[in-house]
Amino acid sequence: SESGLIGHKNDNYYDKFRDRIMFPIFNSQGEVIAFGGRRLNDEDNSSPKYYNSPETLIFHKSKNLYGLNWAKKGFRETNSAIIMEGYTDVITAHKYGLNNAVASLGTALTLKQAKILKRYIDNVYIAFDPDFAGEQAALKGLDIFKKADLTVRVIELPENADPDDYIKEEGLEAFEKLMQSSYNLIEFKIRMIINEKENYNINQRI
């Protein structure tokens, strides 16, 4: 079907979101426009971690942000947004009081998403997972947000900790301290260069 909930193969129908936790995706007015699914088994790499409904007339991943409907009040109160990777990151953030958190719907950040945020706020914090993919996505995000005339900083999470786990284990105050010690564009690029050199030297010595 056009909703993307049901697949059809070899004359059989199947649930495209099987073995996934389902998340409704809302537009800025709070209306359900699509669904997202996160796989239950992270050891199964045969399918993507996140799967969204296909694009339709009312759902364009590059033009929407997960949690935008909840975050508008937080945007007004803080003049800032926190960009995270996953649905559970955003849900946990709001549960613990970070009511300006949104996510990019499993796609690379786009200029359209940045311009949506610019309607509401002037400052952005990027809180992606502390792995290579997260660092690369943060680096691209810094440039995109800069093009949209947003002030942007990167929150550095401890190794192997995503925002969901970190907030649950360490609490809101600890996450806010990470925000206070976040890095701007130049600082983050310098840190990436230093980290790459350290990794290179370690590999050379092995």
N, C-alpha and C. Protein backbone atom coordinates (compact mmCIF):
# COMPACT_ATOMS: atom_id res chain seq x y z
N SER A 1 0.84 -1.19 0.00
CA SER A 1 0.00 0.00 0.00
C SER A 1 0.87 1.25 0.00
N GLU A 2 0.27 2.40 -0.32
CA GLU A 2 1.04 3.63 -0.39
C GLU A 2 1.58 4.06 0.96
N SER A 3 0.95 3.62 2.04
CA SER A 3 1.42 4.00 3.37
C SER A 3 2.76 3.36 3.71
N GLY A 4 3.10 2.28 3.00
CA GLY A 4 4.36 1.61 3.26
C GLY A 4 4.31 0.63 4.41
N LEU A 5 3.13 0.36 4.97
CA LEU A 5 3.01 -0.57 6.09
C LEU A 5 3.02 -2.02 5.63
N ILE A 6 2.54 -2.24 4.41
CA ILE A 6 2.41 -3.60 3.89
C ILE A 6 3.27 -3.78 2.65
N GLY A 7 4.01 -4.89 2.60
CA GLY A 7 4.81 -5.22 1.43
C GLY A 7 4.15 -6.33 0.64
N HIS A 8 4.52 -6.44 -0.63
CA HIS A 8 3.95 -7.47 -1.50
C HIS A 8 5.07 -8.14 -2.28
N LYS A 9 5.18 -9.46 -2.11
CA LYS A 9 6.24 -10.20 -2.78
C LYS A 9 5.76 -11.62 -3.05
N ASN A 10 5.97 -12.06 -4.30
CA ASN A 10 5.58 -13.43 -4.69
C ASN A 10 4.13 -13.74 -4.33
N ASP A 11 3.25 -12.79 -4.64
CA ASP A 11 1.81 -12.93 -4.38
C ASP A 11 1.46 -13.04 -2.90
N ASN A 12 2.38 -12.65 -2.05
CA ASN A 12 2.12 -12.67 -0.61
C ASN A 12 2.28 -11.27 -0.03
N TYR A 13 1.48 -10.97 0.99
CA TYR A 13 1.59 -9.70 1.69
C TYR A 13 2.32 -9.92 3.02
N TYR A 14 3.12 -8.94 3.41
CA TYR A 14 3.85 -9.06 4.67
C TYR A 14 3.98 -7.70 5.35
N ASP A 15 4.22 -7.73 6.64
CA ASP A 15 4.36 -6.52 7.45
C ASP A 15 5.78 -5.97 7.30
N LYS A 16 5.90 -4.80 6.69
CA LYS A 16 7.23 -4.21 6.46
C LYS A 16 7.90 -3.79 7.77
N PHE A 17 7.10 -3.62 8.83
CA PHE A 17 7.65 -3.15 10.10
C PHE A 17 7.77 -4.29 11.12
N ARG A 18 7.78 -5.54 10.62
CA ARG A 18 7.89 -6.67 11.55
C ARG A 18 9.22 -6.58 12.32
N ASP A 19 9.19 -7.04 13.58
CA ASP A 19 10.37 -7.04 14.46
C ASP A 19 10.92 -5.63 14.69
N ARG A 20 10.03 -4.65 14.68
CA ARG A 20 10.43 -3.26 14.94
C ARG A 20 9.48 -2.60 15.92
N ILE A 21 10.01 -1.66 16.70
CA ILE A 21 9.16 -0.81 17.53
C ILE A 21 8.62 0.29 16.64
N MET A 22 7.31 0.50 16.66
CA MET A 22 6.68 1.48 15.78
C MET A 22 6.56 2.85 16.45
N PHE A 23 6.86 3.89 15.67
CA PHE A 23 6.74 5.27 16.14
C PHE A 23 5.92 6.07 15.13
N PRO A 24 4.80 6.66 15.54
CA PRO A 24 4.11 7.57 14.62
C PRO A 24 4.94 8.83 14.41
N ILE A 25 4.96 9.33 13.18
CA ILE A 25 5.67 10.56 12.85
C ILE A 25 4.64 11.64 12.59
N PHE A 26 4.78 12.76 13.28
CA PHE A 26 3.79 13.84 13.22
C PHE A 26 4.32 15.02 12.41
N ASN A 27 3.40 15.80 11.85
CA ASN A 27 3.81 17.07 11.27
C ASN A 27 3.82 18.13 12.38
N SER A 28 4.11 19.37 12.04
CA SER A 28 4.25 20.41 13.07
C SER A 28 2.93 20.70 13.78
N GLN A 29 1.80 20.30 13.17
CA GLN A 29 0.49 20.52 13.79
C GLN A 29 0.05 19.34 14.66
N GLY A 30 0.89 18.29 14.73
CA GLY A 30 0.56 17.14 15.56
C GLY A 30 -0.27 16.08 14.86
N GLU A 31 -0.35 16.14 13.53
CA GLU A 31 -1.10 15.13 12.76
C GLU A 31 -0.15 14.03 12.31
N VAL A 32 -0.60 12.76 12.42
CA VAL A 32 0.24 11.64 11.99
C VAL A 32 0.34 11.63 10.47
N ILE A 33 1.58 11.66 9.96
CA ILE A 33 1.77 11.68 8.50
C ILE A 33 2.58 10.48 8.00
N ALA A 34 3.16 9.70 8.93
CA ALA A 34 3.97 8.54 8.52
C ALA A 34 4.30 7.73 9.77
N PHE A 35 5.06 6.65 9.56
CA PHE A 35 5.49 5.82 10.67
C PHE A 35 6.98 5.53 10.54
N GLY A 36 7.62 5.38 11.68
CA GLY A 36 9.01 4.97 11.71
C GLY A 36 9.13 3.70 12.54
N GLY A 37 10.10 2.88 12.20
CA GLY A 37 10.30 1.65 12.96
C GLY A 37 11.77 1.47 13.30
N ARG A 38 12.05 1.13 14.56
CA ARG A 38 13.42 0.85 14.99
C ARG A 38 13.54 -0.65 15.22
N ARG A 39 14.57 -1.28 14.63
CA ARG A 39 14.71 -2.72 14.76
C ARG A 39 14.95 -3.10 16.22
N LEU A 40 14.38 -4.24 16.61
CA LEU A 40 14.51 -4.71 17.98
C LEU A 40 15.86 -5.37 18.24
N ASN A 41 16.38 -6.06 17.22
CA ASN A 41 17.64 -6.80 17.37
C ASN A 41 18.77 -6.03 16.71
N ASP A 42 19.61 -5.38 17.51
CA ASP A 42 20.71 -4.58 16.95
C ASP A 42 21.85 -5.43 16.42
N GLU A 43 21.81 -6.73 16.70
CA GLU A 43 22.85 -7.62 16.16
C GLU A 43 22.53 -8.05 14.73
N ASP A 44 21.30 -7.81 14.32
CA ASP A 44 20.88 -8.16 12.95
C ASP A 44 21.14 -6.99 12.03
N ASN A 45 22.24 -7.05 11.28
CA ASN A 45 22.61 -5.96 10.38
C ASN A 45 22.09 -6.16 8.96
N SER A 46 21.16 -7.11 8.79
CA SER A 46 20.62 -7.36 7.46
C SER A 46 19.58 -6.32 7.07
N SER A 47 19.16 -5.50 8.02
CA SER A 47 18.19 -4.43 7.74
C SER A 47 18.64 -3.16 8.44
N PRO A 48 18.21 -2.00 7.95
CA PRO A 48 18.64 -0.74 8.57
C PRO A 48 18.10 -0.60 9.99
N LYS A 49 18.84 0.15 10.81
CA LYS A 49 18.43 0.36 12.20
C LYS A 49 17.07 1.05 12.25
N TYR A 50 16.88 2.05 11.40
CA TYR A 50 15.61 2.77 11.33
C TYR A 50 15.00 2.60 9.95
N TYR A 51 13.68 2.44 9.93
CA TYR A 51 12.96 2.34 8.66
C TYR A 51 11.74 3.24 8.72
N ASN A 52 11.56 4.08 7.72
CA ASN A 52 10.44 5.01 7.68
C ASN A 52 9.46 4.64 6.58
N SER A 53 8.23 5.12 6.72
CA SER A 53 7.28 5.02 5.63
C SER A 53 7.86 5.67 4.38
N PRO A 54 7.46 5.21 3.20
CA PRO A 54 7.96 5.86 1.98
C PRO A 54 7.43 7.28 1.86
N GLU A 55 8.08 8.06 1.02
CA GLU A 55 7.65 9.44 0.79
C GLU A 55 6.28 9.46 0.11
N THR A 56 5.43 10.38 0.55
CA THR A 56 4.10 10.55 -0.03
C THR A 56 3.88 12.04 -0.26
N LEU A 57 2.66 12.39 -0.68
CA LEU A 57 2.33 13.80 -0.88
C LEU A 57 2.44 14.61 0.41
N ILE A 58 2.21 13.94 1.55
CA ILE A 58 2.23 14.67 2.83
C ILE A 58 3.47 14.37 3.67
N PHE A 59 4.30 13.41 3.23
CA PHE A 59 5.48 13.07 4.03
C PHE A 59 6.74 13.12 3.18
N HIS A 60 7.59 14.08 3.52
CA HIS A 60 8.91 14.21 2.88
C HIS A 60 9.94 14.25 3.99
N LYS A 61 10.80 13.23 4.06
CA LYS A 61 11.78 13.14 5.15
C LYS A 61 12.66 14.39 5.23
N SER A 62 13.04 14.92 4.08
CA SER A 62 13.95 16.06 4.06
C SER A 62 13.28 17.35 4.52
N LYS A 63 11.94 17.34 4.63
CA LYS A 63 11.21 18.55 5.01
C LYS A 63 10.55 18.43 6.38
N ASN A 64 10.83 17.33 7.09
CA ASN A 64 10.23 17.12 8.40
C ASN A 64 11.30 16.79 9.43
N LEU A 65 10.95 16.98 10.69
CA LEU A 65 11.82 16.62 11.81
C LEU A 65 11.00 15.89 12.84
N TYR A 66 11.51 14.77 13.33
CA TYR A 66 10.77 14.02 14.34
C TYR A 66 10.76 14.80 15.65
N GLY A 67 9.56 14.97 16.23
CA GLY A 67 9.42 15.68 17.49
C GLY A 67 9.18 17.17 17.36
N LEU A 68 9.10 17.67 16.12
CA LEU A 68 8.89 19.11 15.92
C LEU A 68 7.60 19.58 16.57
N ASN A 69 6.57 18.75 16.51
CA ASN A 69 5.27 19.11 17.10
C ASN A 69 5.37 19.30 18.62
N TRP A 70 6.27 18.54 19.28
CA TRP A 70 6.45 18.69 20.73
C TRP A 70 7.43 19.80 21.07
N ALA A 71 8.35 20.10 20.18
CA ALA A 71 9.50 20.96 20.52
C ALA A 71 9.23 22.45 20.32
N LYS A 72 8.14 22.82 19.68
CA LYS A 72 7.93 24.24 19.36
C LYS A 72 7.91 25.13 20.60
N LYS A 73 7.31 24.63 21.67
CA LYS A 73 7.28 25.41 22.92
C LYS A 73 8.70 25.57 23.47
N GLY A 74 9.47 24.47 23.44
CA GLY A 74 10.85 24.52 23.91
C GLY A 74 11.70 25.46 23.06
N PHE A 75 11.44 25.50 21.76
CA PHE A 75 12.16 26.42 20.87
C PHE A 75 11.96 27.86 21.35
N ARG A 76 10.71 28.19 21.64
CA ARG A 76 10.40 29.57 22.06
C ARG A 76 11.08 29.90 23.39
N GLU A 77 11.11 28.92 24.30
CA GLU A 77 11.66 29.16 25.63
C GLU A 77 13.19 29.27 25.63
N THR A 78 13.85 28.55 24.73
CA THR A 78 15.32 28.48 24.76
C THR A 78 16.01 29.12 23.56
N ASN A 79 15.23 29.43 22.51
CA ASN A 79 15.79 29.92 21.24
C ASN A 79 16.85 28.95 20.70
N SER A 80 16.66 27.65 20.98
CA SER A 80 17.62 26.66 20.50
C SER A 80 16.92 25.32 20.26
N ALA A 81 17.60 24.46 19.46
CA ALA A 81 17.14 23.10 19.21
C ALA A 81 18.29 22.15 19.45
N ILE A 82 17.97 20.95 19.91
CA ILE A 82 18.97 19.89 20.04
C ILE A 82 18.61 18.83 19.01
N ILE A 83 19.53 18.57 18.07
CA ILE A 83 19.31 17.58 17.03
C ILE A 83 19.90 16.25 17.46
N MET A 84 19.07 15.21 17.48
CA MET A 84 19.51 13.88 17.84
C MET A 84 19.29 12.92 16.68
N GLU A 85 19.76 11.67 16.81
CA GLU A 85 19.67 10.72 15.70
C GLU A 85 18.38 9.92 15.70
N GLY A 86 17.93 9.49 16.87
CA GLY A 86 16.85 8.49 16.90
C GLY A 86 15.58 8.96 17.59
N TYR A 87 14.51 8.20 17.34
CA TYR A 87 13.22 8.48 17.97
C TYR A 87 13.33 8.37 19.49
N THR A 88 13.99 7.29 19.96
CA THR A 88 14.07 7.08 21.41
C THR A 88 14.90 8.16 22.09
N ASP A 89 15.92 8.67 21.40
CA ASP A 89 16.70 9.80 21.95
C ASP A 89 15.78 10.98 22.24
N VAL A 90 14.95 11.31 21.26
CA VAL A 90 14.06 12.48 21.38
C VAL A 90 13.01 12.26 22.46
N ILE A 91 12.42 11.07 22.49
CA ILE A 91 11.39 10.77 23.49
C ILE A 91 11.96 10.86 24.90
N THR A 92 13.14 10.28 25.11
CA THR A 92 13.79 10.34 26.43
C THR A 92 14.12 11.79 26.79
N ALA A 93 14.65 12.55 25.83
CA ALA A 93 14.99 13.96 26.09
C ALA A 93 13.77 14.73 26.59
N HIS A 94 12.65 14.58 25.92
CA HIS A 94 11.43 15.29 26.34
C HIS A 94 10.94 14.80 27.69
N LYS A 95 11.05 13.50 27.93
CA LYS A 95 10.62 12.93 29.21
C LYS A 95 11.39 13.54 30.38
N TYR A 96 12.69 13.82 30.15
CA TYR A 96 13.54 14.35 31.21
C TYR A 96 13.60 15.88 31.22
N GLY A 97 12.85 16.53 30.35
CA GLY A 97 12.77 17.99 30.40
C GLY A 97 13.49 18.75 29.32
N LEU A 98 14.15 18.05 28.38
CA LEU A 98 14.78 18.73 27.25
C LEU A 98 13.73 18.86 26.14
N ASN A 99 12.87 19.83 26.29
CA ASN A 99 11.70 19.91 25.41
C ASN A 99 11.96 20.65 24.10
N ASN A 100 13.24 20.77 23.72
CA ASN A 100 13.58 21.37 22.43
C ASN A 100 14.33 20.38 21.54
N ALA A 101 14.19 19.07 21.83
CA ALA A 101 14.91 18.03 21.07
C ALA A 101 14.09 17.55 19.88
N VAL A 102 14.78 17.35 18.75
CA VAL A 102 14.17 16.79 17.53
C VAL A 102 15.18 15.85 16.87
N ALA A 103 14.71 15.07 15.90
CA ALA A 103 15.61 14.17 15.17
C ALA A 103 15.37 14.31 13.67
N SER A 104 16.34 13.84 12.90
CA SER A 104 16.33 14.09 11.45
C SER A 104 15.71 12.97 10.62
N LEU A 105 14.95 12.07 11.25
CA LEU A 105 14.20 11.02 10.55
C LEU A 105 15.10 10.05 9.77
N GLY A 106 16.25 9.76 10.35
CA GLY A 106 17.10 8.73 9.78
C GLY A 106 17.80 9.10 8.50
N THR A 107 17.73 10.35 8.11
CA THR A 107 18.41 10.79 6.89
C THR A 107 19.53 11.77 7.27
N ALA A 108 20.42 12.02 6.34
CA ALA A 108 21.40 13.08 6.56
C ALA A 108 20.67 14.40 6.70
N LEU A 109 21.18 15.26 7.55
CA LEU A 109 20.55 16.57 7.73
C LEU A 109 20.49 17.32 6.41
N THR A 110 19.40 18.01 6.17
CA THR A 110 19.23 18.73 4.91
C THR A 110 19.08 20.23 5.17
N LEU A 111 19.35 21.00 4.13
CA LEU A 111 19.20 22.45 4.23
C LEU A 111 17.73 22.82 4.47
N LYS A 112 16.81 22.02 3.91
CA LYS A 112 15.38 22.26 4.14
C LYS A 112 15.03 22.12 5.61
N GLN A 113 15.60 21.10 6.27
CA GLN A 113 15.36 20.93 7.70
C GLN A 113 15.96 22.09 8.49
N ALA A 114 17.14 22.52 8.09
CA ALA A 114 17.79 23.64 8.77
C ALA A 114 16.94 24.91 8.64
N LYS A 115 16.38 25.12 7.46
CA LYS A 115 15.54 26.32 7.25
C LYS A 115 14.24 26.25 8.05
N ILE A 116 13.72 25.03 8.25
CA ILE A 116 12.53 24.87 9.11
C ILE A 116 12.87 25.33 10.52
N LEU A 117 14.03 24.89 11.02
CA LEU A 117 14.44 25.28 12.36
C LEU A 117 14.66 26.78 12.47
N LYS A 118 15.20 27.38 11.42
CA LYS A 118 15.49 28.81 11.43
C LYS A 118 14.23 29.66 11.62
N ARG A 119 13.09 29.10 11.27
CA ARG A 119 11.82 29.82 11.50
C ARG A 119 11.55 30.01 12.99
N TYR A 120 12.12 29.10 13.81
CA TYR A 120 11.80 29.10 15.23
C TYR A 120 12.95 29.58 16.12
N ILE A 121 14.20 29.26 15.72
CA ILE A 121 15.32 29.46 16.65
C ILE A 121 16.56 29.98 15.92
N ASP A 122 17.56 30.37 16.71
CA ASP A 122 18.83 30.86 16.15
C ASP A 122 20.01 29.95 16.48
N ASN A 123 19.82 29.03 17.45
CA ASN A 123 20.93 28.21 17.93
C ASN A 123 20.59 26.73 17.86
N VAL A 124 21.58 25.92 17.46
CA VAL A 124 21.39 24.48 17.33
C VAL A 124 22.53 23.75 18.03
N TYR A 125 22.18 22.69 18.74
CA TYR A 125 23.16 21.75 19.31
C TYR A 125 23.00 20.41 18.59
N ILE A 126 24.09 19.83 18.15
CA ILE A 126 24.06 18.51 17.51
C ILE A 126 24.51 17.48 18.54
N ALA A 127 23.66 16.49 18.82
CA ALA A 127 23.98 15.44 19.79
C ALA A 127 23.83 14.09 19.12
N PHE A 128 24.78 13.75 18.24
CA PHE A 128 24.76 12.47 17.54
C PHE A 128 25.59 11.43 18.29
N ASP A 129 25.40 10.17 17.93
CA ASP A 129 26.14 9.09 18.57
C ASP A 129 27.64 9.30 18.37
N PRO A 130 28.48 8.96 19.38
CA PRO A 130 29.92 9.20 19.28
C PRO A 130 30.66 8.11 18.52
N ASP A 131 30.24 7.87 17.29
CA ASP A 131 30.95 6.91 16.43
C ASP A 131 31.34 7.62 15.14
N PHE A 132 32.00 6.90 14.24
CA PHE A 132 32.50 7.53 13.02
C PHE A 132 31.35 8.12 12.20
N ALA A 133 30.25 7.34 12.05
CA ALA A 133 29.11 7.83 11.27
C ALA A 133 28.50 9.07 11.91
N GLY A 134 28.41 9.07 13.24
CA GLY A 134 27.87 10.23 13.94
C GLY A 134 28.74 11.45 13.79
N GLU A 135 30.06 11.26 13.85
CA GLU A 135 30.99 12.38 13.68
C GLU A 135 30.90 12.98 12.28
N GLN A 136 30.81 12.11 11.28
CA GLN A 136 30.71 12.59 9.89
C GLN A 136 29.40 13.33 9.67
N ALA A 137 28.32 12.80 10.25
CA ALA A 137 27.01 13.47 10.12
C ALA A 137 27.02 14.82 10.83
N ALA A 138 27.67 14.88 11.99
CA ALA A 138 27.77 16.15 12.72
C ALA A 138 28.56 17.17 11.93
N LEU A 139 29.65 16.72 11.30
CA LEU A 139 30.48 17.62 10.50
C LEU A 139 29.68 18.23 9.35
N LYS A 140 28.90 17.38 8.65
CA LYS A 140 28.05 17.88 7.56
C LYS A 140 26.97 18.80 8.10
N GLY A 141 26.42 18.44 9.26
CA GLY A 141 25.38 19.25 9.87
C GLY A 141 25.87 20.64 10.24
N LEU A 142 27.10 20.73 10.73
CA LEU A 142 27.67 22.04 11.06
C LEU A 142 27.65 22.96 9.86
N ASP A 143 28.08 22.46 8.71
CA ASP A 143 28.12 23.28 7.50
C ASP A 143 26.72 23.64 7.02
N ILE A 144 25.79 22.69 7.10
CA ILE A 144 24.42 22.95 6.65
C ILE A 144 23.75 24.02 7.51
N PHE A 145 23.91 23.90 8.82
CA PHE A 145 23.29 24.88 9.71
C PHE A 145 23.92 26.26 9.54
N LYS A 146 25.21 26.28 9.27
CA LYS A 146 25.89 27.55 9.03
C LYS A 146 25.30 28.23 7.79
N LYS A 147 25.02 27.43 6.74
CA LYS A 147 24.41 27.98 5.52
C LYS A 147 23.03 28.57 5.80
N ALA A 148 22.33 27.99 6.78
CA ALA A 148 21.00 28.49 7.14
C ALA A 148 21.07 29.63 8.16
N ASP A 149 22.29 30.13 8.42
CA ASP A 149 22.51 31.26 9.33
C ASP A 149 22.10 30.92 10.77
N LEU A 150 22.41 29.68 11.17
CA LEU A 150 22.18 29.25 12.54
C LEU A 150 23.52 29.11 13.26
N THR A 151 23.56 29.48 14.52
CA THR A 151 24.74 29.24 15.34
C THR A 151 24.67 27.80 15.82
N VAL A 152 25.72 27.04 15.59
CA VAL A 152 25.64 25.60 15.87
C VAL A 152 26.85 25.12 16.67
N ARG A 153 26.60 24.20 17.61
CA ARG A 153 27.63 23.59 18.42
C ARG A 153 27.42 22.08 18.48
N VAL A 154 28.50 21.34 18.71
CA VAL A 154 28.42 19.88 18.78
C VAL A 154 28.63 19.43 20.22
N ILE A 155 27.70 18.60 20.70
CA ILE A 155 27.81 18.01 22.04
C ILE A 155 28.60 16.71 21.92
N GLU A 156 29.65 16.59 22.72
CA GLU A 156 30.48 15.38 22.68
C GLU A 156 30.03 14.42 23.78
N LEU A 157 29.46 13.30 23.37
CA LEU A 157 29.04 12.27 24.31
C LEU A 157 30.18 11.30 24.58
N PRO A 158 30.20 10.66 25.75
CA PRO A 158 31.23 9.65 26.02
C PRO A 158 31.13 8.49 25.03
N GLU A 159 32.23 7.79 24.86
CA GLU A 159 32.27 6.66 23.92
C GLU A 159 31.20 5.63 24.28
N ASN A 160 30.53 5.11 23.24
CA ASN A 160 29.50 4.06 23.37
C ASN A 160 28.24 4.53 24.10
N ALA A 161 28.02 5.84 24.19
CA ALA A 161 26.81 6.36 24.86
C ALA A 161 26.01 7.20 23.88
N ASP A 162 24.75 6.81 23.62
CA ASP A 162 23.88 7.67 22.82
C ASP A 162 23.10 8.56 23.78
N PRO A 163 22.42 9.61 23.29
CA PRO A 163 21.70 10.51 24.20
C PRO A 163 20.68 9.80 25.07
N ASP A 164 19.98 8.81 24.50
CA ASP A 164 18.97 8.06 25.24
C ASP A 164 19.58 7.43 26.50
N ASP A 165 20.65 6.66 26.31
CA ASP A 165 21.30 5.99 27.44
C ASP A 165 21.91 7.00 28.41
N TYR A 166 22.60 8.01 27.86
CA TYR A 166 23.32 8.95 28.72
C TYR A 166 22.36 9.72 29.63
N ILE A 167 21.26 10.20 29.06
CA ILE A 167 20.30 10.96 29.87
C ILE A 167 19.67 10.08 30.94
N LYS A 168 19.33 8.84 30.59
CA LYS A 168 18.73 7.92 31.57
C LYS A 168 19.70 7.59 32.70
N GLU A 169 20.97 7.37 32.36
CA GLU A 169 21.95 6.93 33.35
C GLU A 169 22.55 8.08 34.15
N GLU A 170 22.78 9.23 33.50
CA GLU A 170 23.48 10.33 34.16
C GLU A 170 22.56 11.49 34.57
N GLY A 171 21.41 11.58 33.92
CA GLY A 171 20.45 12.61 34.29
C GLY A 171 20.54 13.89 33.46
N LEU A 172 19.54 14.72 33.62
CA LEU A 172 19.42 15.96 32.85
C LEU A 172 20.57 16.92 33.11
N GLU A 173 20.95 17.07 34.38
CA GLU A 173 22.00 18.04 34.74
C GLU A 173 23.32 17.69 34.06
N ALA A 174 23.64 16.39 34.00
CA ALA A 174 24.89 15.96 33.37
C ALA A 174 24.86 16.26 31.88
N PHE A 175 23.71 16.06 31.23
CA PHE A 175 23.61 16.35 29.80
C PHE A 175 23.74 17.85 29.55
N GLU A 176 23.14 18.65 30.43
CA GLU A 176 23.24 20.10 30.29
C GLU A 176 24.69 20.58 30.44
N LYS A 177 25.48 19.88 31.26
CA LYS A 177 26.90 20.21 31.39
C LYS A 177 27.64 19.93 30.08
N LEU A 178 27.24 18.84 29.40
CA LEU A 178 27.83 18.54 28.09
C LEU A 178 27.49 19.64 27.09
N MET A 179 26.28 20.17 27.19
CA MET A 179 25.88 21.28 26.32
C MET A 179 26.75 22.50 26.56
N GLN A 180 27.03 22.77 27.84
CA GLN A 180 27.84 23.94 28.19
C GLN A 180 29.28 23.82 27.68
N SER A 181 29.77 22.59 27.56
CA SER A 181 31.15 22.39 27.10
C SER A 181 31.21 21.93 25.64
N SER A 182 30.14 22.20 24.88
CA SER A 182 30.06 21.78 23.48
C SER A 182 31.02 22.60 22.62
N TYR A 183 31.21 22.15 21.37
CA TYR A 183 32.23 22.73 20.48
C TYR A 183 31.60 23.45 19.29
N ASN A 184 32.21 24.56 18.91
CA ASN A 184 31.76 25.23 17.70
C ASN A 184 32.40 24.58 16.47
N LEU A 185 32.12 25.11 15.30
CA LEU A 185 32.57 24.51 14.04
C LEU A 185 34.09 24.30 14.01
N ILE A 186 34.85 25.36 14.30
CA ILE A 186 36.32 25.27 14.22
C ILE A 186 36.85 24.31 15.27
N GLU A 187 36.36 24.42 16.50
CA GLU A 187 36.82 23.55 17.58
C GLU A 187 36.57 22.08 17.27
N PHE A 188 35.38 21.78 16.71
CA PHE A 188 35.04 20.40 16.41
C PHE A 188 35.94 19.84 15.31
N LYS A 189 36.21 20.65 14.28
CA LYS A 189 37.09 20.19 13.20
C LYS A 189 38.50 19.93 13.71
N ILE A 190 38.99 20.80 14.58
CA ILE A 190 40.33 20.60 15.16
C ILE A 190 40.36 19.31 15.98
N ARG A 191 39.30 19.07 16.77
CA ARG A 191 39.24 17.84 17.58
C ARG A 191 39.22 16.60 16.69
N MET A 192 38.53 16.67 15.56
CA MET A 192 38.50 15.53 14.65
C MET A 192 39.89 15.25 14.08
N ILE A 193 40.60 16.30 13.72
CA ILE A 193 41.96 16.14 13.18
C ILE A 193 42.88 15.52 14.24
N ILE A 194 42.80 16.03 15.48
CA ILE A 194 43.63 15.50 16.56
C ILE A 194 43.30 14.03 16.82
N ASN A 195 42.00 13.70 16.87
CA ASN A 195 41.59 12.32 17.12
C ASN A 195 42.06 11.39 16.02
N GLU A 196 41.97 11.85 14.77
CA GLU A 196 42.42 11.03 13.64
C GLU A 196 43.93 10.78 13.73
N LYS A 197 44.69 11.82 14.14
CA LYS A 197 46.15 11.65 14.29
C LYS A 197 46.47 10.66 15.40
N GLU A 198 45.72 10.75 16.52
CA GLU A 198 45.95 9.83 17.63
C GLU A 198 45.67 8.39 17.21
N ASN A 199 44.55 8.20 16.48
CA ASN A 199 44.20 6.86 16.02
C ASN A 199 45.25 6.33 15.05
N TYR A 200 45.74 7.23 14.20
CA TYR A 200 46.76 6.83 13.23
C TYR A 200 48.04 6.40 13.95
N ASN A 201 48.45 7.17 14.94
CA ASN A 201 49.67 6.84 15.68
C ASN A 201 49.54 5.53 16.44
N ILE A 202 48.36 5.30 17.01
CA ILE A 202 48.13 4.04 17.73
C ILE A 202 48.22 2.86 16.77
N ASN A 203 47.57 3.01 15.60
CA ASN A 203 47.58 1.94 14.60
C ASN A 203 48.99 1.67 14.10
N GLN A 204 49.80 2.73 13.97
CA GLN A 204 51.16 2.58 13.49
C GLN A 204 52.03 1.79 14.46
N ARG A 205 51.72 1.94 15.76
CA ARG A 205 52.54 1.28 16.78
C ARG A 205 52.15 -0.18 16.95
N ILE A 206 50.95 -0.57 16.55
CA ILE A 206 50.50 -1.96 16.74
C ILE A 206 51.25 -2.91 15.82
